[in-house]
C-alpha atoms as a PDB file:
ATOM      1  CA  MET A   1      -0.036  -0.109   0.167  1.00  0.00           C
ATOM      2  CA  THR A   2       1.140   3.695  -0.535  1.00  0.00           C
ATOM      3  CA  ALA A   3      -0.405   5.980   1.258  1.00  0.00           C
ATOM      4  CA  ARG A   4       0.034   9.754   1.391  1.00  0.00           C
ATOM      5  CA  PRO A   5       2.250   9.839   4.526  1.00  0.00           C
ATOM      6  CA  ASP A   6      -0.044  12.908   5.857  1.00  0.00           C
ATOM      7  CA  SER A   7      -3.093  11.031   5.400  1.00  0.00           C
ATOM      8  CA  ALA A   8      -4.962  10.557   8.719  1.00  0.00           C
ATOM      9  CA  ALA A   9      -5.290   6.992   7.975  1.00  0.00           C
ATOM     10  CA  MET A  10      -1.736   6.943   8.802  1.00  0.00           C
ATOM     11  CA  GLN A  11      -2.801   8.386  12.560  1.00  0.00           C
ATOM     12  CA  THR A  12      -3.597   5.308  14.276  1.00  0.00           C
ATOM     13  CA  SER A  13      -1.336   1.681  14.857  1.00  0.00           C
ATOM     14  CA  ASP A  14      -2.023  -0.894  12.957  1.00  0.00           C
ATOM     15  CA  SER A  15      -4.145  -2.847  15.534  1.00  0.00           C
ATOM     16  CA  GLY A  16      -6.271   0.239  15.958  1.00  0.00           C
ATOM     17  CA  SER A  17      -6.691   1.242  12.199  1.00  0.00           C
ATOM     18  CA  GLY A  18      -9.976   1.102  10.679  1.00  0.00           C
ATOM     19  CA  LEU A  19      -8.326   0.803   7.178  1.00  0.00           C
ATOM     20  CA  ALA A  20      -5.902  -1.729   8.128  1.00  0.00           C
ATOM     21  CA  LYS A  21      -9.049  -3.839   9.421  1.00  0.00           C
ATOM     22  CA  ALA A  22     -10.739  -3.255   6.341  1.00  0.00           C
ATOM     23  CA  ILE A  23      -7.711  -4.252   4.140  1.00  0.00           C
ATOM     24  CA  GLN A  24      -7.319  -7.512   6.084  1.00  0.00           C
ATOM     25  CA  LEU A  25     -11.473  -8.478   6.149  1.00  0.00           C
ATOM     26  CA  GLY A  26     -11.300  -7.626   2.381  1.00  0.00           C
ATOM     27  CA  GLN A  27      -8.557 -10.490   1.988  1.00  0.00           C
ATOM     28  CA  SER A  28     -11.032 -13.225   3.147  1.00  0.00           C
ATOM     29  CA  LEU A  29     -14.465 -11.966   1.812  1.00  0.00           C
ATOM     30  CA  ASP A  30     -15.763 -11.185  -1.472  1.00  0.00           C
ATOM     31  CA  GLU A  31     -16.195  -7.312  -2.135  1.00  0.00           C
ATOM     32  CA  ARG A  32     -20.069  -7.947  -1.973  1.00  0.00           C
ATOM     33  CA  ASP A  33     -20.157  -9.378   1.423  1.00  0.00           C
ATOM     34  CA  PHE A  34     -19.557  -6.198   3.276  1.00  0.00           C
ATOM     35  CA  ILE A  35     -19.515  -2.570   3.277  1.00  0.00           C
ATOM     36  CA  ILE A  36     -17.101  -0.409   5.743  1.00  0.00           C
ATOM     37  CA  LEU A  37     -19.176   1.711   8.030  1.00  0.00           C
ATOM     38  CA  ASN A  38     -18.363   3.246  11.328  1.00  0.00           C
ATOM     39  CA  GLN A  39     -20.379   3.467  14.344  1.00  0.00           C
ATOM     40  CA  ALA A  40     -22.137   6.373  13.470  1.00  0.00           C
ATOM     41  CA  ASP A  41     -22.539   5.193  10.125  1.00  0.00           C
ATOM     42  CA  PHE A  42     -23.765   1.703  11.514  1.00  0.00           C
ATOM     43  CA  LEU A  43     -26.531   3.683  13.277  1.00  0.00           C
ATOM     44  CA  SER A  44     -27.188   5.917  10.935  1.00  0.00           C
ATOM     45  CA  ASN A  45     -27.906   3.630   8.040  1.00  0.00           C
ATOM     46  CA  HIS A  46     -29.560   1.189  10.483  1.00  0.00           C
ATOM     47  CA  LEU A  47     -32.508   3.733  11.238  1.00  0.00           C
ATOM     48  CA  ALA A  48     -32.626   4.779   7.617  1.00  0.00           C
ATOM     49  CA  GLY A  49     -32.662   1.102   6.271  1.00  0.00           C
ATOM     50  CA  ALA A  50     -29.872   2.508   3.544  1.00  0.00           C
ATOM     51  CA  TRP A  51     -26.702   1.197   3.947  1.00  0.00           C
ATOM     52  CA  ALA A  52     -23.340   2.377   2.747  1.00  0.00           C
ATOM     53  CA  VAL A  53     -23.530   6.239   3.695  1.00  0.00           C
ATOM     54  CA  SER A  54     -20.904   7.883   5.580  1.00  0.00           C
ATOM     55  CA  ASP A  55     -19.739  11.503   5.839  1.00  0.00           C
ATOM     56  CA  TYR A  56     -16.461  12.881   5.522  1.00  0.00           C
ATOM     57  CA  HIS A  57     -15.501  13.509   9.061  1.00  0.00           C
ATOM     58  CA  ASN A  58     -15.962   9.631  10.140  1.00  0.00           C
ATOM     59  CA  ALA A  59     -14.227   8.929   6.785  1.00  0.00           C
ATOM     60  CA  LEU A  60     -11.363  10.689   7.255  1.00  0.00           C
ATOM     61  CA  LYS A  61      -9.211   8.017   9.064  1.00  0.00           C
ATOM     62  CA  LEU A  62     -10.588   5.454   6.700  1.00  0.00           C
ATOM     63  CA  GLY A  63      -8.420   7.294   4.004  1.00  0.00           C
ATOM     64  CA  TYR A  64     -11.061   9.660   2.372  1.00  0.00           C
ATOM     65  CA  ASP A  65      -9.273  13.003   0.898  1.00  0.00           C
ATOM     66  CA  VAL A  66     -11.447  15.503   2.352  1.00  0.00           C
ATOM     67  CA  GLU A  67      -9.375  18.102   0.422  1.00  0.00           C
ATOM     68  CA  HIS A  68     -10.696  16.787  -2.851  1.00  0.00           C
ATOM     69  CA  LEU A  69     -13.808  14.930  -1.572  1.00  0.00           C
ATOM     70  CA  ARG A  70     -13.156  11.490  -2.754  1.00  0.00           C
ATOM     71  CA  TRP A  71     -11.684   8.489  -2.202  1.00  0.00           C
ATOM     72  CA  PRO A  72      -8.075   8.540  -3.392  1.00  0.00           C
ATOM     73  CA  GLU A  73      -6.855   6.015  -5.853  1.00  0.00           C
ATOM     74  CA  TRP A  74      -4.490   4.351  -3.321  1.00  0.00           C
ATOM     75  CA  VAL A  75      -7.289   3.243  -0.979  1.00  0.00           C
ATOM     76  CA  GLU A  76      -9.450   2.090  -3.526  1.00  0.00           C
ATOM     77  CA  ARG A  77      -6.446  -0.006  -4.499  1.00  0.00           C
ATOM     78  CA  CYS A  78      -6.425  -1.484  -0.938  1.00  0.00           C
ATOM     79  CA  VAL A  79     -10.328  -2.118  -0.639  1.00  0.00           C
ATOM     80  CA  ALA A  80     -12.674  -2.831  -3.258  1.00  0.00           C
ATOM     81  CA  ALA A  81     -14.708   0.211  -4.244  1.00  0.00           C
ATOM     82  CA  GLY A  82     -18.041  -1.734  -3.468  1.00  0.00           C
ATOM     83  CA  ALA A  83     -16.886  -1.821   0.165  1.00  0.00           C
ATOM     84  CA  LEU A  84     -16.350   2.243   0.573  1.00  0.00           C
ATOM     85  CA  PRO A  85     -19.571   3.580   1.694  1.00  0.00           C
ATOM     86  CA  ARG A  86     -20.889   6.685  -0.121  1.00  0.00           C
ATOM     87  CA  VAL A  87     -19.533   9.989   1.698  1.00  0.00           C
ATOM     88  CA  LEU A  88     -21.594  13.134   2.043  1.00  0.00           C
ATOM     89  CA  SER A  89     -21.134  16.307   3.968  1.00  0.00           C
ATOM     90  CA  PRO A  90     -21.986  16.177   7.691  1.00  0.00           C
ATOM     91  CA  GLY A  91     -25.569  17.235   8.629  1.00  0.00           C
ATOM     92  CA  GLN A  92     -26.422  16.486   4.741  1.00  0.00           C
ATOM     93  CA  VAL A  93     -29.865  14.437   4.878  1.00  0.00           C
ATOM     94  CA  PHE A  94     -29.829  11.005   2.998  1.00  0.00           C
ATOM     95  CA  ALA A  95     -33.088   9.481   3.880  1.00  0.00           C
ATOM     96  CA  SER A  96     -36.166   9.177   6.103  1.00  0.00           C
ATOM     97  CA  VAL A  97     -36.492   7.103   8.851  1.00  0.00           C
ATOM     98  CA  GLU A  98     -37.614   3.482   7.699  1.00  0.00           C
ATOM     99  CA  PRO A  99     -40.979   3.179   9.058  1.00  0.00           C
ATOM    100  CA  GLN A 100     -40.477   0.018  10.786  1.00  0.00           C
ATOM    101  CA  MET A 101     -37.164   1.474  12.838  1.00  0.00           C
ATOM    102  CA  ALA A 102     -40.068   4.659  13.321  1.00  0.00           C
ATOM    103  CA  GLN A 103     -42.370   2.542  15.179  1.00  0.00           C
ATOM    104  CA  ARG A 104     -39.658   0.450  16.979  1.00  0.00           C
ATOM    105  CA  TYR A 105     -37.907   3.518  18.669  1.00  0.00           C
ATOM    106  CA  GLY A 106     -40.815   5.971  18.828  1.00  0.00           C
ATOM    107  CA  LEU A 107     -39.549   8.148  16.306  1.00  0.00           C
ATOM    108  CA  ALA A 108     -42.047  10.472  14.159  1.00  0.00           C
ATOM    109  CA  ALA A 109     -42.654   8.958  10.448  1.00  0.00           C
ATOM    110  CA  ASP A 110     -41.261  12.104   8.928  1.00  0.00           C
ATOM    111  CA  CYS A 111     -38.098  11.930  10.879  1.00  0.00           C
ATOM    112  CA  GLN A 112     -34.862  12.567   8.280  1.00  0.00           C
ATOM    113  CA  ILE A 113     -31.742  10.944   8.766  1.00  0.00           C
ATOM    114  CA  CYS A 114     -28.624  13.184   8.239  1.00  0.00           C
ATOM    115  CA  ALA A 115     -25.096  12.304   7.550  1.00  0.00           C
ATOM    116  CA  GLY A 116     -23.083  12.418  11.084  1.00  0.00           C
ATOM    117  CA  THR A 117     -19.563  13.518  12.750  1.00  0.00           C
ATOM    118  CA  THR A 118     -17.005  12.394  15.185  1.00  0.00           C
ATOM    119  CA  ASP A 119     -17.614  12.983  18.701  1.00  0.00           C
ATOM    120  CA  ALA A 120     -15.055  15.110  19.006  1.00  0.00           C
ATOM    121  CA  ASN A 121     -16.125  17.113  16.206  1.00  0.00           C
ATOM    122  CA  ALA A 122     -19.712  17.425  17.666  1.00  0.00           C
ATOM    123  CA  ALA A 123     -18.273  18.475  21.034  1.00  0.00           C
ATOM    124  CA  PHE A 124     -16.573  21.427  19.277  1.00  0.00           C
ATOM    125  CA  ILE A 125     -19.202  22.420  17.443  1.00  0.00           C
ATOM    126  CA  ALA A 126     -21.217  22.631  20.324  1.00  0.00           C
ATOM    127  CA  THR A 127     -19.349  25.483  22.012  1.00  0.00           C
ATOM    128  CA  GLN A 128     -20.101  27.394  19.028  1.00  0.00           C
ATOM    129  CA  ALA A 129     -16.577  28.339  18.476  1.00  0.00           C
ATOM    130  CA  SER A 130     -16.090  30.409  14.954  1.00  0.00           C
ATOM    131  CA  ARG A 131     -13.267  32.437  15.199  1.00  0.00           C
ATOM    132  CA  LEU A 132     -10.084  31.772  13.292  1.00  0.00           C
ATOM    133  CA  GLY A 133      -7.747  30.658  15.982  1.00  0.00           C
ATOM    134  CA  ASP A 134     -10.718  29.686  18.110  1.00  0.00           C
ATOM    135  CA  ALA A 135      -9.466  26.177  20.049  1.00  0.00           C
ATOM    136  CA  VAL A 136     -11.216  23.748  22.179  1.00  0.00           C
ATOM    137  CA  THR A 137     -10.393  20.876  24.303  1.00  0.00           C
ATOM    138  CA  SER A 138     -12.830  18.074  24.965  1.00  0.00           C
ATOM    139  CA  LEU A 139     -12.220  15.119  27.428  1.00  0.00           C
ATOM    140  CA  GLY A 140     -14.143  11.829  26.187  1.00  0.00           C
ATOM    141  CA  SER A 141     -12.441   8.405  26.489  1.00  0.00           C
ATOM    142  CA  THR A 142      -9.452  10.403  24.591  1.00  0.00           C
ATOM    143  CA  LEU A 143      -8.319  13.876  25.144  1.00  0.00           C
ATOM    144  CA  VAL A 144      -8.605  15.815  21.879  1.00  0.00           C
ATOM    145  CA  LEU A 145      -7.784  19.704  20.891  1.00  0.00           C
ATOM    146  CA  LYS A 146      -8.942  21.090  17.725  1.00  0.00           C
ATOM    147  CA  GLN A 147      -8.516  24.710  16.353  1.00  0.00           C
ATOM    148  CA  ILE A 148      -9.914  26.557  13.415  1.00  0.00           C
ATOM    149  CA  SER A 149      -7.586  27.057  10.974  1.00  0.00           C
ATOM    150  CA  VAL A 150      -7.786  28.525   7.187  1.00  0.00           C
ATOM    151  CA  LYS A 151      -5.959  25.668   5.643  1.00  0.00           C
ATOM    152  CA  PRO A 152      -5.489  21.804   6.524  1.00  0.00           C
ATOM    153  CA  VAL A 153      -2.306  20.716   8.533  1.00  0.00           C
ATOM    154  CA  ASN A 154      -1.383  17.201   8.529  1.00  0.00           C
ATOM    155  CA  ASP A 155       1.721  15.534   9.955  1.00  0.00           C
ATOM    156  CA  SER A 156       1.065  11.636  10.909  1.00  0.00           C
ATOM    157  CA  ARG A 157       4.975  11.985  12.561  1.00  0.00           C
ATOM    158  CA  LEU A 158       3.149  14.206  15.180  1.00  0.00           C
ATOM    159  CA  GLY A 159      -0.096  12.914  15.086  1.00  0.00           C
ATOM    160  CA  VAL A 160      -1.735  16.291  13.647  1.00  0.00           C
ATOM    161  CA  TYR A 161      -4.815  15.844  10.849  1.00  0.00           C
ATOM    162  CA  SER A 162      -7.374  18.444   9.991  1.00  0.00           C
ATOM    163  CA  HIS A 163     -11.165  17.978   9.454  1.00  0.00           C
ATOM    164  CA  ARG A 164     -12.954  19.801   7.076  1.00  0.00           C
ATOM    165  CA  LEU A 165     -15.261  22.062   8.823  1.00  0.00           C
ATOM    166  CA  GLY A 166     -17.414  24.279   5.699  1.00  0.00           C
ATOM    167  CA  GLN A 167     -14.679  26.565   4.539  1.00  0.00           C
ATOM    168  CA  ARG A 168     -12.280  26.204   7.201  1.00  0.00           C
ATOM    169  CA  TRP A 169     -10.233  23.348   9.106  1.00  0.00           C
ATOM    170  CA  LEU A 170     -10.242  21.960  12.419  1.00  0.00           C
ATOM    171  CA  VAL A 171      -6.673  21.194  13.198  1.00  0.00           C
ATOM    172  CA  GLY A 172      -5.869  19.017  15.925  1.00  0.00           C
ATOM    173  CA  GLY A 173      -5.325  15.608  17.187  1.00  0.00           C
ATOM    174  CA  ALA A 174      -6.268  13.134  20.068  1.00  0.00           C
ATOM    175  CA  SER A 175      -3.728  12.061  22.866  1.00  0.00           C
ATOM    176  CA  ASN A 176      -3.768   8.163  23.661  1.00  0.00           C
ATOM    177  CA  SER A 177      -4.880   8.997  26.944  1.00  0.00           C
ATOM    178  CA  GLY A 178      -8.252  10.706  28.629  1.00  0.00           C
ATOM    179  CA  GLY A 179     -11.090   9.981  30.654  1.00  0.00           C
ATOM    180  CA  ALA A 180     -10.691   6.062  29.737  1.00  0.00           C
ATOM    181  CA  VAL A 181      -7.829   5.720  32.155  1.00  0.00           C
ATOM    182  CA  ILE A 182     -10.016   6.691  35.186  1.00  0.00           C
ATOM    183  CA  ALA A 183     -11.182   3.095  35.008  1.00  0.00           C
ATOM    184  CA  ALA A 184      -7.824   1.921  35.384  1.00  0.00           C
ATOM    185  CA  HIS A 185      -7.172   3.910  38.997  1.00  0.00           C
ATOM    186  CA  PHE A 186     -10.628   3.644  40.232  1.00  0.00           C
ATOM    187  CA  SER A 187     -13.114   0.855  40.822  1.00  0.00           C
ATOM    188  CA  PRO A 188     -16.724   1.625  39.709  1.00  0.00           C
ATOM    189  CA  ALA A 189     -17.902   2.430  43.021  1.00  0.00           C
ATOM    190  CA  GLU A 190     -15.138   4.608  43.760  1.00  0.00           C
ATOM    191  CA  ILE A 191     -16.549   6.484  40.688  1.00  0.00           C
ATOM    192  CA  ARG A 192     -19.644   6.651  41.578  1.00  0.00           C
ATOM    193  CA  TYR A 193     -18.733   8.074  45.022  1.00  0.00           C
ATOM    194  CA  LEU A 194     -16.307  10.494  43.859  1.00  0.00           C
ATOM    195  CA  THR A 195     -18.982  11.846  41.115  1.00  0.00           C
ATOM    196  CA  THR A 196     -20.853  13.044  43.966  1.00  0.00           C
ATOM    197  CA  GLN A 197     -18.120  15.384  45.648  1.00  0.00           C
ATOM    198  CA  LEU A 198     -17.507  16.973  42.003  1.00  0.00           C
ATOM    199  CA  LYS A 199     -18.782  20.704  42.225  1.00  0.00           C
ATOM    200  CA  PRO A 200     -19.460  21.778  38.557  1.00  0.00           C
ATOM    201  CA  ALA A 201     -19.818  25.848  39.534  1.00  0.00           C
ATOM    202  CA  ILE A 202     -16.175  26.058  40.896  1.00  0.00           C
END
């Protein structure tokens, strides 16, 4: 595989890379047997009853080229084109909820399903940061830092990559440690007790 060295697909270890897993799966299955979807894709596609749709935020680390909005040739050489999802802009409506899903989950029959985004991008957007240079740190299972830029910055050696956000870019990266590490040092009972001691107003 010859990937661009600054591709976000190169940001994770082989064992954690969605693209590496897709390549391995493709070696053992016919391309008609599977479609590559992230967790957010799976849920939205399940609700829509329309498979093989993703968004360019979630597809970034699978190798999707967010600058040119297409799957690059090197990805298509590694993974059969039939296994790659159709990639839409985050927030773009692609279906209405499937009637059985609407009934099952108590959703309105005219509920629309949109292409999603990543959790860290959603956290950034929720802050309403919008000025050039604004930066947000969000703590989930990992600690993520993102900053608004006029151009993408990518350096796989340093773990820096960029998400497209309208006509601007979210430049940043994620640590390999964050909220998930708490479970390695505290029992569930201790976490529940300590949570009651939190004082968010301070």
